[in-house]
Amino acid sequence: MSKNKTCYLPEKRGKVGGQAVLEGVMMKSGDNVSLTVRKEDGSMVTKNSKFVAFKTRSSLFSIPVIRGVVNFIDSMRLSFSTLGESAEMMGIDEDMGDSKFERWLSKTFGDKIMNAIMTVAMVLAVVLFVVLFFWLPTFLTNLLEMLTGDLGMWKSVVEGAIKIGIFVAYLSLVSLMKDIRRTFEYHGAEHKSIFCYEAGKELTVENVREQSRFHPRCGTSFMFVMLALSIISGMFIPWHNQLLRVICKLLMLPLVMGIGYEFLMYAGKHDNFIVRVLSAPGLWMQRITTREPDDSQIECAIASLKAAMPEEFPPEAAEEAEAEKAEETEADETENSEEK
């Protein structure tokens, strides 16, 4: 059956989500979080944990639009923690070791200096984000208007097009990095395994491999929807003061984020003409942020998904299936050796 004709089960949609990490995949279902990483020796290691989301702490956080902002904060919390855990599980910190300067800083200032460095790094990242996606598009649009004359009602559309261009260029450049490219391959494995589960098929490498790597509920699609919504919201923000415009766009960001989240959740559970048209740009962007995975990467995604849903995939059953598979492989090897 082709990818486009696969029928997905409504009751399974939205039950599990994931994220690609360093040489692995994180899957989340409810409060269950599972992180599976492929180590340098080829073995897989899985870590299970619980994640208590902010949205469960108050009924206010479940209100449409508001829940989108809260979910974004939860996603950032979970993303940062799983990225750090994946590095630890791979043993990157131990392999690299600390330099003499790093050991001196740690000994002299303790954890305070490291926390300060992390804070400065996060602040710089936020500043870079604001400059690239808020200030620069407005500046370039004003510059273009000086050269071409009054853009009128098209001014916000031009600004949005520049913003999208910057976003696409950024993703294209980082995708050239070897480590990022491998992460994008794990991203593809994550999408394929979730699609396989949502189709109600057995989670095997063969079944997962045939699925699409483009998922409408992906964070890439969310970012693109936010960019599209920012074009619409930008039409209602004055242009006479560039700094004021940037501030207004930042203040409107939670609203844009909340609306984008609602659309993404709707798109993840429905399949109709309007959803397909509105989701198309985000799915096109996934041609950059996802790559076709190999079988070992698919195995990581499957292991993580099953571990995140122990009710549907009991660990004992998985162990028995692995043992049966090992016995079959051993029997095949013995039979082949006897024939020789």
C-alpha atoms as a PDB file:
ATOM      1  CA  MET A   1       0.000   0.000   0.000  1.00  0.00           C
ATOM      2  CA  SER A   2       1.379   3.422  -0.878  1.00  0.00           C
ATOM      3  CA  LYS A   3       2.123   6.042   1.690  1.00  0.00           C
ATOM      4  CA  ASN A   4      -0.596   8.370   0.454  1.00  0.00           C
ATOM      5  CA  LYS A   5      -3.330   5.721   0.738  1.00  0.00           C
ATOM      6  CA  THR A   6      -2.531   4.493   4.215  1.00  0.00           C
ATOM      7  CA  CYS A   7      -5.530   4.799   6.538  1.00  0.00           C
ATOM      8  CA  TYR A   8      -4.748   6.147  10.001  1.00  0.00           C
ATOM      9  CA  LEU A   9      -6.852   5.298  13.041  1.00  0.00           C
ATOM     10  CA  PRO A  10      -8.463   8.382  14.668  1.00  0.00           C
ATOM     11  CA  GLU A  11      -8.237   6.877  18.156  1.00  0.00           C
ATOM     12  CA  LYS A  12      -4.462   6.570  17.878  1.00  0.00           C
ATOM     13  CA  ARG A  13      -3.756  10.049  16.540  1.00  0.00           C
ATOM     14  CA  GLY A  14      -2.174  12.458  18.991  1.00  0.00           C
ATOM     15  CA  LYS A  15      -1.441   9.800  21.627  1.00  0.00           C
ATOM     16  CA  VAL A  16       2.327  10.007  21.185  1.00  0.00           C
ATOM     17  CA  GLY A  17       4.785  12.665  20.090  1.00  0.00           C
ATOM     18  CA  GLY A  18       8.518  12.797  19.808  1.00  0.00           C
ATOM     19  CA  GLN A  19      11.757  14.614  19.149  1.00  0.00           C
ATOM     20  CA  ALA A  20      15.043  13.717  17.500  1.00  0.00           C
ATOM     21  CA  VAL A  21      18.099  14.050  19.741  1.00  0.00           C
ATOM     22  CA  LEU A  22      21.824  13.305  19.477  1.00  0.00           C
ATOM     23  CA  GLU A  23      21.989   9.826  17.914  1.00  0.00           C
ATOM     24  CA  GLY A  24      18.538   8.908  19.142  1.00  0.00           C
ATOM     25  CA  VAL A  25      14.845   9.621  19.582  1.00  0.00           C
ATOM     26  CA  MET A  26      12.717  10.810  22.479  1.00  0.00           C
ATOM     27  CA  MET A  27       9.057   9.768  22.632  1.00  0.00           C
ATOM     28  CA  LYS A  28       6.375  11.111  24.980  1.00  0.00           C
ATOM     29  CA  SER A  29       2.940   9.680  25.702  1.00  0.00           C
ATOM     30  CA  GLY A  30       1.024  11.273  28.547  1.00  0.00           C
ATOM     31  CA  ASP A  31       3.479  11.686  31.423  1.00  0.00           C
ATOM     32  CA  ASN A  32       5.741   8.919  30.117  1.00  0.00           C
ATOM     33  CA  VAL A  33       8.977   9.989  28.466  1.00  0.00           C
ATOM     34  CA  SER A  34      11.338   7.519  26.832  1.00  0.00           C
ATOM     35  CA  LEU A  35      14.751   8.360  25.417  1.00  0.00           C
ATOM     36  CA  THR A  36      16.605   5.811  23.280  1.00  0.00           C
ATOM     37  CA  VAL A  37      20.156   6.500  22.091  1.00  0.00           C
ATOM     38  CA  ARG A  38      22.499   4.539  19.829  1.00  0.00           C
ATOM     39  CA  LYS A  39      25.974   4.412  21.404  1.00  0.00           C
ATOM     40  CA  GLU A  40      29.250   4.350  19.487  1.00  0.00           C
ATOM     41  CA  ASP A  41      29.610   0.590  19.980  1.00  0.00           C
ATOM     42  CA  GLY A  42      26.291   0.064  18.181  1.00  0.00           C
ATOM     43  CA  SER A  43      24.248  -0.843  21.261  1.00  0.00           C
ATOM     44  CA  MET A  44      21.026   0.914  22.232  1.00  0.00           C
ATOM     45  CA  VAL A  45      20.301   2.310  25.671  1.00  0.00           C
ATOM     46  CA  THR A  46      16.859   3.475  26.820  1.00  0.00           C
ATOM     47  CA  LYS A  47      15.993   5.754  29.720  1.00  0.00           C
ATOM     48  CA  ASN A  48      12.419   6.123  30.988  1.00  0.00           C
ATOM     49  CA  SER A  49      11.187   9.006  33.099  1.00  0.00           C
ATOM     50  CA  LYS A  50       8.107  11.039  34.008  1.00  0.00           C
ATOM     51  CA  PHE A  51       7.447  14.606  32.874  1.00  0.00           C
ATOM     52  CA  VAL A  52       4.896  16.695  34.741  1.00  0.00           C
ATOM     53  CA  ALA A  53       3.710  19.373  32.346  1.00  0.00           C
ATOM     54  CA  PHE A  54       2.651  22.843  33.486  1.00  0.00           C
ATOM     55  CA  LYS A  55      -0.667  22.366  31.672  1.00  0.00           C
ATOM     56  CA  THR A  56      -1.687  19.710  34.230  1.00  0.00           C
ATOM     57  CA  ARG A  57      -1.258  22.070  37.164  1.00  0.00           C
ATOM     58  CA  SER A  58      -4.219  24.349  36.444  1.00  0.00           C
ATOM     59  CA  SER A  59      -7.464  24.158  34.483  1.00  0.00           C
ATOM     60  CA  LEU A  60      -6.608  27.640  33.175  1.00  0.00           C
ATOM     61  CA  PHE A  61      -3.756  26.114  31.178  1.00  0.00           C
ATOM     62  CA  SER A  62      -6.229  23.923  29.270  1.00  0.00           C
ATOM     63  CA  ILE A  63      -8.097  26.848  27.717  1.00  0.00           C
ATOM     64  CA  PRO A  64      -7.658  27.004  23.924  1.00  0.00           C
ATOM     65  CA  VAL A  65      -4.899  29.396  22.763  1.00  0.00           C
ATOM     66  CA  ILE A  66      -3.531  29.673  26.331  1.00  0.00           C
ATOM     67  CA  ARG A  67      -2.678  25.963  26.254  1.00  0.00           C
ATOM     68  CA  GLY A  68      -0.615  26.585  23.133  1.00  0.00           C
ATOM     69  CA  VAL A  69       1.701  28.992  24.972  1.00  0.00           C
ATOM     70  CA  VAL A  70       1.951  26.666  27.973  1.00  0.00           C
ATOM     71  CA  ASN A  71       2.638  23.692  25.715  1.00  0.00           C
ATOM     72  CA  PHE A  72       5.451  25.619  23.994  1.00  0.00           C
ATOM     73  CA  ILE A  73       7.081  26.302  27.366  1.00  0.00           C
ATOM     74  CA  ASP A  74       6.730  22.620  28.306  1.00  0.00           C
ATOM     75  CA  SER A  75       8.215  21.592  24.951  1.00  0.00           C
ATOM     76  CA  MET A  76      11.242  23.831  25.496  1.00  0.00           C
ATOM     77  CA  ARG A  77      11.767  22.438  29.003  1.00  0.00           C
ATOM     78  CA  LEU A  78      11.574  18.871  27.751  1.00  0.00           C
ATOM     79  CA  SER A  79      13.736  19.545  24.686  1.00  0.00           C
ATOM     80  CA  PHE A  80      16.608  21.045  26.664  1.00  0.00           C
ATOM     81  CA  SER A  81      16.563  18.279  29.266  1.00  0.00           C
ATOM     82  CA  THR A  82      16.450  15.431  26.717  1.00  0.00           C
ATOM     83  CA  LEU A  83      19.257  16.934  24.623  1.00  0.00           C
ATOM     84  CA  GLY A  84      21.469  17.034  27.708  1.00  0.00           C
ATOM     85  CA  GLU A  85      20.480  13.506  28.729  1.00  0.00           C
ATOM     86  CA  SER A  86      21.191  12.127  25.251  1.00  0.00           C
ATOM     87  CA  ALA A  87      24.727  13.545  25.402  1.00  0.00           C
ATOM     88  CA  GLU A  88      25.259  11.942  28.822  1.00  0.00           C
ATOM     89  CA  MET A  89      23.887   8.573  27.637  1.00  0.00           C
ATOM     90  CA  MET A  90      26.305   8.635  24.703  1.00  0.00           C
ATOM     91  CA  GLY A  91      29.169   9.430  27.070  1.00  0.00           C
ATOM     92  CA  ILE A  92      30.116  12.620  25.213  1.00  0.00           C
ATOM     93  CA  ASP A  93      31.021  14.530  28.360  1.00  0.00           C
ATOM     94  CA  GLU A  94      33.311  11.750  29.592  1.00  0.00           C
ATOM     95  CA  ASP A  95      34.979  11.302  26.200  1.00  0.00           C
ATOM     96  CA  MET A  96      35.721  14.994  25.729  1.00  0.00           C
ATOM     97  CA  GLY A  97      36.878  15.657  29.278  1.00  0.00           C
ATOM     98  CA  ASP A  98      37.379  19.102  30.802  1.00  0.00           C
ATOM     99  CA  SER A  99      40.161  21.474  29.820  1.00  0.00           C
ATOM    100  CA  LYS A 100      42.500  22.936  32.455  1.00  0.00           C
ATOM    101  CA  PHE A 101      40.654  26.250  32.195  1.00  0.00           C
ATOM    102  CA  GLU A 102      37.261  24.557  32.693  1.00  0.00           C
ATOM    103  CA  ARG A 103      38.578  22.654  35.732  1.00  0.00           C
ATOM    104  CA  TRP A 104      39.970  25.906  37.158  1.00  0.00           C
ATOM    105  CA  LEU A 105      36.649  27.688  36.669  1.00  0.00           C
ATOM    106  CA  SER A 106      34.760  24.820  38.300  1.00  0.00           C
ATOM    107  CA  LYS A 107      37.161  24.652  41.238  1.00  0.00           C
ATOM    108  CA  THR A 108      37.278  28.418  41.778  1.00  0.00           C
ATOM    109  CA  PHE A 109      33.667  29.413  41.217  1.00  0.00           C
ATOM    110  CA  GLY A 110      31.775  26.124  41.431  1.00  0.00           C
ATOM    111  CA  ASP A 111      28.389  25.754  39.762  1.00  0.00           C
ATOM    112  CA  LYS A 112      27.717  29.498  39.834  1.00  0.00           C
ATOM    113  CA  ILE A 113      30.023  30.290  36.933  1.00  0.00           C
ATOM    114  CA  MET A 114      28.610  27.460  34.807  1.00  0.00           C
ATOM    115  CA  ASN A 115      25.043  28.637  35.498  1.00  0.00           C
ATOM    116  CA  ALA A 116      26.103  32.170  34.557  1.00  0.00           C
ATOM    117  CA  ILE A 117      27.627  30.941  31.293  1.00  0.00           C
ATOM    118  CA  MET A 118      24.463  29.007  30.433  1.00  0.00           C
ATOM    119  CA  THR A 119      22.338  32.080  31.220  1.00  0.00           C
ATOM    120  CA  VAL A 120      24.483  34.304  28.995  1.00  0.00           C
ATOM    121  CA  ALA A 121      24.325  31.720  26.190  1.00  0.00           C
ATOM    122  CA  MET A 122      20.519  31.566  26.397  1.00  0.00           C
ATOM    123  CA  VAL A 123      20.239  35.380  26.420  1.00  0.00           C
ATOM    124  CA  LEU A 124      22.476  35.613  23.348  1.00  0.00           C
ATOM    125  CA  ALA A 125      20.376  32.964  21.591  1.00  0.00           C
ATOM    126  CA  VAL A 126      17.170  34.914  22.315  1.00  0.00           C
ATOM    127  CA  VAL A 127      18.770  38.158  21.102  1.00  0.00           C
ATOM    128  CA  LEU A 128      19.910  36.445  17.885  1.00  0.00           C
ATOM    129  CA  PHE A 129      16.396  35.073  17.366  1.00  0.00           C
ATOM    130  CA  VAL A 130      14.815  38.516  17.818  1.00  0.00           C
ATOM    131  CA  VAL A 131      17.329  40.171  15.482  1.00  0.00           C
ATOM    132  CA  LEU A 132      16.990  37.546  12.725  1.00  0.00           C
ATOM    133  CA  PHE A 133      13.227  37.056  12.744  1.00  0.00           C
ATOM    134  CA  PHE A 134      11.839  40.344  14.082  1.00  0.00           C
ATOM    135  CA  TRP A 135      14.227  43.256  13.522  1.00  0.00           C
ATOM    136  CA  LEU A 136      16.027  42.231  10.299  1.00  0.00           C
ATOM    137  CA  PRO A 137      12.872  41.518   8.187  1.00  0.00           C
ATOM    138  CA  THR A 138      11.415  44.905   9.168  1.00  0.00           C
ATOM    139  CA  PHE A 139      14.701  46.683   8.439  1.00  0.00           C
ATOM    140  CA  LEU A 140      15.077  45.021   5.026  1.00  0.00           C
ATOM    141  CA  THR A 141      11.450  45.784   4.114  1.00  0.00           C
ATOM    142  CA  ASN A 142      11.923  49.464   4.937  1.00  0.00           C
ATOM    143  CA  LEU A 143      15.138  49.459   2.928  1.00  0.00           C
ATOM    144  CA  LEU A 144      13.367  47.870  -0.044  1.00  0.00           C
ATOM    145  CA  GLU A 145      10.566  50.434   0.165  1.00  0.00           C
ATOM    146  CA  MET A 146      13.128  53.230  -0.020  1.00  0.00           C
ATOM    147  CA  LEU A 147      14.346  51.737  -3.309  1.00  0.00           C
ATOM    148  CA  THR A 148      11.004  50.797  -4.886  1.00  0.00           C
ATOM    149  CA  GLY A 149       8.572  53.321  -3.434  1.00  0.00           C
ATOM    150  CA  ASP A 150       5.476  52.808  -1.269  1.00  0.00           C
ATOM    151  CA  LEU A 151       4.579  49.116  -0.958  1.00  0.00           C
ATOM    152  CA  GLY A 152       1.156  49.843   0.487  1.00  0.00           C
ATOM    153  CA  MET A 153      -0.793  46.837   1.749  1.00  0.00           C
ATOM    154  CA  TRP A 154       1.901  44.500   0.430  1.00  0.00           C
ATOM    155  CA  LYS A 155       4.444  45.726   2.935  1.00  0.00           C
ATOM    156  CA  SER A 156       3.581  43.117   5.597  1.00  0.00           C
ATOM    157  CA  VAL A 157       3.513  40.384   2.948  1.00  0.00           C
ATOM    158  CA  VAL A 158       7.007  41.375   1.762  1.00  0.00           C
ATOM    159  CA  GLU A 159       8.224  41.400   5.370  1.00  0.00           C
ATOM    160  CA  GLY A 160       6.760  37.936   5.915  1.00  0.00           C
ATOM    161  CA  ALA A 161       8.352  36.618   2.720  1.00  0.00           C
ATOM    162  CA  ILE A 162      11.746  37.915   3.868  1.00  0.00           C
ATOM    163  CA  LYS A 163      11.221  36.270   7.268  1.00  0.00           C
ATOM    164  CA  ILE A 164      10.352  32.943   5.633  1.00  0.00           C
ATOM    165  CA  GLY A 165      13.392  33.284   3.367  1.00  0.00           C
ATOM    166  CA  ILE A 166      15.664  33.773   6.377  1.00  0.00           C
ATOM    167  CA  PHE A 167      14.090  30.760   8.090  1.00  0.00           C
ATOM    168  CA  VAL A 168      14.544  28.516   5.040  1.00  0.00           C
ATOM    169  CA  ALA A 169      18.130  29.704   4.508  1.00  0.00           C
ATOM    170  CA  TYR A 170      18.992  29.055   8.164  1.00  0.00           C
ATOM    171  CA  LEU A 171      17.609  25.510   8.093  1.00  0.00           C
ATOM    172  CA  SER A 172      19.310  24.777   4.762  1.00  0.00           C
ATOM    173  CA  LEU A 173      22.692  25.923   6.069  1.00  0.00           C
ATOM    174  CA  VAL A 174      22.561  23.972   9.349  1.00  0.00           C
ATOM    175  CA  SER A 175      21.406  20.850   7.463  1.00  0.00           C
ATOM    176  CA  LEU A 176      24.830  20.792   5.750  1.00  0.00           C
ATOM    177  CA  MET A 177      26.476  19.963   9.094  1.00  0.00           C
ATOM    178  CA  LYS A 178      27.086  16.219   9.491  1.00  0.00           C
ATOM    179  CA  ASP A 179      25.738  15.946  13.056  1.00  0.00           C
ATOM    180  CA  ILE A 180      22.649  17.994  12.222  1.00  0.00           C
ATOM    181  CA  ARG A 181      22.012  15.880   9.137  1.00  0.00           C
ATOM    182  CA  ARG A 182      22.087  12.707  11.248  1.00  0.00           C
ATOM    183  CA  THR A 183      19.699  14.336  13.718  1.00  0.00           C
ATOM    184  CA  PHE A 184      17.370  15.103  10.806  1.00  0.00           C
ATOM    185  CA  GLU A 185      17.560  11.388   9.863  1.00  0.00           C
ATOM    186  CA  TYR A 186      16.448  10.456  13.387  1.00  0.00           C
ATOM    187  CA  HIS A 187      13.719  13.073  12.966  1.00  0.00           C
ATOM    188  CA  GLY A 188      12.511  11.145   9.931  1.00  0.00           C
ATOM    189  CA  ALA A 189      12.608   7.885  11.924  1.00  0.00           C
ATOM    190  CA  GLU A 190      10.520   9.502  14.655  1.00  0.00           C
ATOM    191  CA  HIS A 191       7.832  10.596  12.185  1.00  0.00           C
ATOM    192  CA  LYS A 192       7.743   7.252  10.385  1.00  0.00           C
ATOM    193  CA  SER A 193       7.362   5.239  13.585  1.00  0.00           C
ATOM    194  CA  ILE A 194       4.558   7.484  14.853  1.00  0.00           C
ATOM    195  CA  PHE A 195       2.766   7.181  11.516  1.00  0.00           C
ATOM    196  CA  CYS A 196       3.150   3.390  11.670  1.00  0.00           C
ATOM    197  CA  TYR A 197       1.606   3.330  15.149  1.00  0.00           C
ATOM    198  CA  GLU A 198      -1.234   5.623  14.066  1.00  0.00           C
ATOM    199  CA  ALA A 199      -1.925   3.302  11.130  1.00  0.00           C
ATOM    200  CA  GLY A 200      -2.411   0.420  13.570  1.00  0.00           C
ATOM    201  CA  LYS A 201       0.405  -1.590  11.989  1.00  0.00           C
ATOM    202  CA  GLU A 202       2.901  -3.744  13.840  1.00  0.00           C
ATOM    203  CA  LEU A 203       5.949  -1.722  14.780  1.00  0.00           C
ATOM    204  CA  THR A 204       8.598  -3.457  12.705  1.00  0.00           C
ATOM    205  CA  VAL A 205      11.441  -1.913  10.742  1.00  0.00           C
ATOM    206  CA  GLU A 206       9.813  -3.030   7.487  1.00  0.00           C
ATOM    207  CA  ASN A 207       6.432  -1.446   8.322  1.00  0.00           C
ATOM    208  CA  VAL A 208       7.982   1.765   9.627  1.00  0.00           C
ATOM    209  CA  ARG A 209      10.258   2.116   6.623  1.00  0.00           C
ATOM    210  CA  GLU A 210       7.313   2.387   4.206  1.00  0.00           C
ATOM    211  CA  GLN A 211       5.670   5.281   6.082  1.00  0.00           C
ATOM    212  CA  SER A 212       5.985   8.955   5.182  1.00  0.00           C
ATOM    213  CA  ARG A 213       8.547  11.075   6.991  1.00  0.00           C
ATOM    214  CA  PHE A 214       6.356  14.189   6.691  1.00  0.00           C
ATOM    215  CA  HIS A 215       4.020  14.645   9.671  1.00  0.00           C
ATOM    216  CA  PRO A 216       1.467  17.492  10.001  1.00  0.00           C
ATOM    217  CA  ARG A 217       1.980  17.724  13.780  1.00  0.00           C
ATOM    218  CA  CYS A 218       5.723  18.423  13.479  1.00  0.00           C
ATOM    219  CA  GLY A 219       7.424  21.368  15.168  1.00  0.00           C
ATOM    220  CA  THR A 220       8.697  22.499  11.758  1.00  0.00           C
ATOM    221  CA  SER A 221       5.099  22.883  10.593  1.00  0.00           C
ATOM    222  CA  PHE A 222       4.333  24.766  13.819  1.00  0.00           C
ATOM    223  CA  MET A 223       7.145  27.243  13.119  1.00  0.00           C
ATOM    224  CA  PHE A 224       5.936  27.779   9.563  1.00  0.00           C
ATOM    225  CA  VAL A 225       2.330  28.303  10.715  1.00  0.00           C
ATOM    226  CA  MET A 226       3.601  30.899  13.194  1.00  0.00           C
ATOM    227  CA  LEU A 227       5.484  32.676  10.401  1.00  0.00           C
ATOM    228  CA  ALA A 228       2.335  32.702   8.264  1.00  0.00           C
ATOM    229  CA  LEU A 229       0.224  34.038  11.148  1.00  0.00           C
ATOM    230  CA  SER A 230       2.825  36.725  11.850  1.00  0.00           C
ATOM    231  CA  ILE A 231       2.239  38.077   8.331  1.00  0.00           C
ATOM    232  CA  ILE A 232      -1.459  38.545   9.123  1.00  0.00           C
ATOM    233  CA  SER A 233      -0.840  40.068  12.555  1.00  0.00           C
ATOM    234  CA  GLY A 234       1.821  42.349  11.075  1.00  0.00           C
ATOM    235  CA  MET A 235      -0.832  44.088   8.981  1.00  0.00           C
ATOM    236  CA  PHE A 236      -2.293  45.607  12.146  1.00  0.00           C
ATOM    237  CA  ILE A 237       0.996  46.918  13.595  1.00  0.00           C
ATOM    238  CA  PRO A 238       2.191  50.476  12.698  1.00  0.00           C
ATOM    239  CA  TRP A 239       5.351  50.948  10.630  1.00  0.00           C
ATOM    240  CA  HIS A 240       6.342  54.497  11.599  1.00  0.00           C
ATOM    241  CA  ASN A 241       8.695  53.303  14.375  1.00  0.00           C
ATOM    242  CA  GLN A 242      10.774  50.166  13.762  1.00  0.00           C
ATOM    243  CA  LEU A 243      11.559  49.572  17.448  1.00  0.00           C
ATOM    244  CA  LEU A 244       7.890  49.956  18.386  1.00  0.00           C
ATOM    245  CA  ARG A 245       6.917  47.509  15.629  1.00  0.00           C
ATOM    246  CA  VAL A 246       9.385  44.900  16.910  1.00  0.00           C
ATOM    247  CA  ILE A 247       8.075  45.319  20.480  1.00  0.00           C
ATOM    248  CA  CYS A 248       4.449  44.992  19.322  1.00  0.00           C
ATOM    249  CA  LYS A 249       5.274  41.819  17.372  1.00  0.00           C
ATOM    250  CA  LEU A 250       6.945  40.340  20.457  1.00  0.00           C
ATOM    251  CA  LEU A 251       3.882  41.185  22.566  1.00  0.00           C
ATOM    252  CA  MET A 252       1.630  39.490  20.001  1.00  0.00           C
ATOM    253  CA  LEU A 253       3.836  36.384  19.881  1.00  0.00           C
ATOM    254  CA  PRO A 254       1.896  34.462  22.595  1.00  0.00           C
ATOM    255  CA  LEU A 255      -1.367  34.974  20.683  1.00  0.00           C
ATOM    256  CA  VAL A 256       0.219  33.876  17.401  1.00  0.00           C
ATOM    257  CA  MET A 257       1.753  30.895  19.172  1.00  0.00           C
ATOM    258  CA  GLY A 258      -1.560  29.879  20.734  1.00  0.00           C
ATOM    259  CA  ILE A 259      -3.486  30.068  17.457  1.00  0.00           C
ATOM    260  CA  GLY A 260      -0.737  28.157  15.642  1.00  0.00           C
ATOM    261  CA  TYR A 261      -0.878  25.384  18.236  1.00  0.00           C
ATOM    262  CA  GLU A 262      -4.649  25.032  17.869  1.00  0.00           C
ATOM    263  CA  PHE A 263      -4.321  24.678  14.113  1.00  0.00           C
ATOM    264  CA  LEU A 264      -1.534  22.117  14.468  1.00  0.00           C
ATOM    265  CA  MET A 265      -3.609  19.998  16.857  1.00  0.00           C
ATOM    266  CA  TYR A 266      -6.580  20.169  14.509  1.00  0.00           C
ATOM    267  CA  ALA A 267      -4.408  19.247  11.519  1.00  0.00           C
ATOM    268  CA  GLY A 268      -2.961  16.290  13.419  1.00  0.00           C
ATOM    269  CA  LYS A 269      -6.430  14.789  13.951  1.00  0.00           C
ATOM    270  CA  HIS A 270      -8.195  15.677  10.702  1.00  0.00           C
ATOM    271  CA  ASP A 271      -7.559  15.070   7.045  1.00  0.00           C
ATOM    272  CA  ASN A 272      -9.545  17.280   4.672  1.00  0.00           C
ATOM    273  CA  PHE A 273      -8.875  19.618   1.758  1.00  0.00           C
ATOM    274  CA  ILE A 274      -8.491  22.785   3.853  1.00  0.00           C
ATOM    275  CA  VAL A 275      -6.081  21.114   6.287  1.00  0.00           C
ATOM    276  CA  ARG A 276      -4.019  19.693   3.429  1.00  0.00           C
ATOM    277  CA  VAL A 277      -3.744  23.105   1.746  1.00  0.00           C
ATOM    278  CA  LEU A 278      -2.832  24.968   4.947  1.00  0.00           C
ATOM    279  CA  SER A 279      -0.418  22.227   6.071  1.00  0.00           C
ATOM    280  CA  ALA A 280       1.370  21.973   2.716  1.00  0.00           C
ATOM    281  CA  PRO A 281       4.037  24.698   3.332  1.00  0.00           C
ATOM    282  CA  GLY A 282       5.019  23.166   6.680  1.00  0.00           C
ATOM    283  CA  LEU A 283       5.228  19.701   5.132  1.00  0.00           C
ATOM    284  CA  TRP A 284       7.416  21.092   2.341  1.00  0.00           C
ATOM    285  CA  MET A 285       9.757  22.503   4.991  1.00  0.00           C
ATOM    286  CA  GLN A 286      10.137  19.012   6.441  1.00  0.00           C
ATOM    287  CA  ARG A 287      12.011  18.072   3.268  1.00  0.00           C
ATOM    288  CA  ILE A 288      14.846  20.007   4.906  1.00  0.00           C
ATOM    289  CA  THR A 289      14.366  19.082   8.576  1.00  0.00           C
ATOM    290  CA  THR A 290      13.797  15.355   8.006  1.00  0.00           C
ATOM    291  CA  ARG A 291      15.861  12.815   6.073  1.00  0.00           C
ATOM    292  CA  GLU A 292      15.285   9.183   5.199  1.00  0.00           C
ATOM    293  CA  PRO A 293      16.604   7.114   8.156  1.00  0.00           C
ATOM    294  CA  ASP A 294      18.499   3.842   8.030  1.00  0.00           C
ATOM    295  CA  ASP A 295      17.270   0.688   9.774  1.00  0.00           C
ATOM    296  CA  SER A 296      19.362   1.259  12.917  1.00  0.00           C
ATOM    297  CA  GLN A 297      17.793   4.701  13.377  1.00  0.00           C
ATOM    298  CA  ILE A 298      14.320   3.248  12.852  1.00  0.00           C
ATOM    299  CA  GLU A 299      15.072   0.639  15.529  1.00  0.00           C
ATOM    300  CA  CYS A 300      15.846   3.460  17.983  1.00  0.00           C
ATOM    301  CA  ALA A 301      12.562   5.185  17.221  1.00  0.00           C
ATOM    302  CA  ILE A 302      10.574   1.957  17.623  1.00  0.00           C
ATOM    303  CA  ALA A 303      12.262   1.127  20.928  1.00  0.00           C
ATOM    304  CA  SER A 304      11.578   4.625  22.265  1.00  0.00           C
ATOM    305  CA  LEU A 305       7.916   4.609  21.176  1.00  0.00           C
ATOM    306  CA  LYS A 306       7.237   1.224  22.761  1.00  0.00           C
ATOM    307  CA  ALA A 307       8.954   2.197  26.005  1.00  0.00           C
ATOM    308  CA  ALA A 308       6.852   5.381  26.192  1.00  0.00           C
ATOM    309  CA  MET A 309       3.624   3.340  25.937  1.00  0.00           C
ATOM    310  CA  PRO A 310       4.102   0.423  28.369  1.00  0.00           C
ATOM    311  CA  GLU A 311       0.347  -0.207  28.585  1.00  0.00           C
ATOM    312  CA  GLU A 312       0.138  -1.008  24.876  1.00  0.00           C
ATOM    313  CA  PHE A 313       3.618  -2.504  24.585  1.00  0.00           C
ATOM    314  CA  PRO A 314       4.444  -4.337  27.846  1.00  0.00           C
ATOM    315  CA  PRO A 315       8.217  -4.677  28.361  1.00  0.00           C
ATOM    316  CA  GLU A 316       7.860  -8.435  28.940  1.00  0.00           C
ATOM    317  CA  ALA A 317       6.237  -8.921  25.537  1.00  0.00           C
ATOM    318  CA  ALA A 318       8.975  -6.898  23.862  1.00  0.00           C
ATOM    319  CA  GLU A 319      11.669  -8.989  25.540  1.00  0.00           C
ATOM    320  CA  GLU A 320       9.957 -12.215  24.445  1.00  0.00           C
ATOM    321  CA  ALA A 321       9.724 -10.922  20.859  1.00  0.00           C
ATOM    322  CA  GLU A 322      13.416 -10.031  20.880  1.00  0.00           C
ATOM    323  CA  ALA A 323      14.306 -13.465  22.247  1.00  0.00           C
ATOM    324  CA  GLU A 324      12.234 -15.196  19.554  1.00  0.00           C
ATOM    325  CA  LYS A 325      13.883 -13.050  16.893  1.00  0.00           C
ATOM    326  CA  ALA A 326      17.337 -13.920  18.233  1.00  0.00           C
ATOM    327  CA  GLU A 327      16.470 -17.632  18.224  1.00  0.00           C
ATOM    328  CA  GLU A 328      15.239 -17.442  14.632  1.00  0.00           C
ATOM    329  CA  THR A 329      18.405 -15.647  13.563  1.00  0.00           C
ATOM    330  CA  GLU A 330      20.566 -18.217  15.339  1.00  0.00           C
ATOM    331  CA  ALA A 331      18.610 -21.068  13.735  1.00  0.00           C
ATOM    332  CA  ASP A 332      19.024 -19.529  10.276  1.00  0.00           C
ATOM    333  CA  GLU A 333      22.761 -19.122  10.802  1.00  0.00           C
ATOM    334  CA  THR A 334      23.076 -22.735  11.986  1.00  0.00           C
ATOM    335  CA  GLU A 335      21.109 -23.989   8.988  1.00  0.00           C
ATOM    336  CA  ASN A 336      23.266 -21.968   6.608  1.00  0.00           C
ATOM    337  CA  SER A 337      26.481 -23.254   8.173  1.00  0.00           C
ATOM    338  CA  GLU A 338      25.263 -26.867   7.904  1.00  0.00           C
ATOM    339  CA  GLU A 339      24.431 -26.402   4.233  1.00  0.00           C
ATOM    340  CA  LYS A 340      27.940 -25.113   3.592  1.00  0.00           C
END
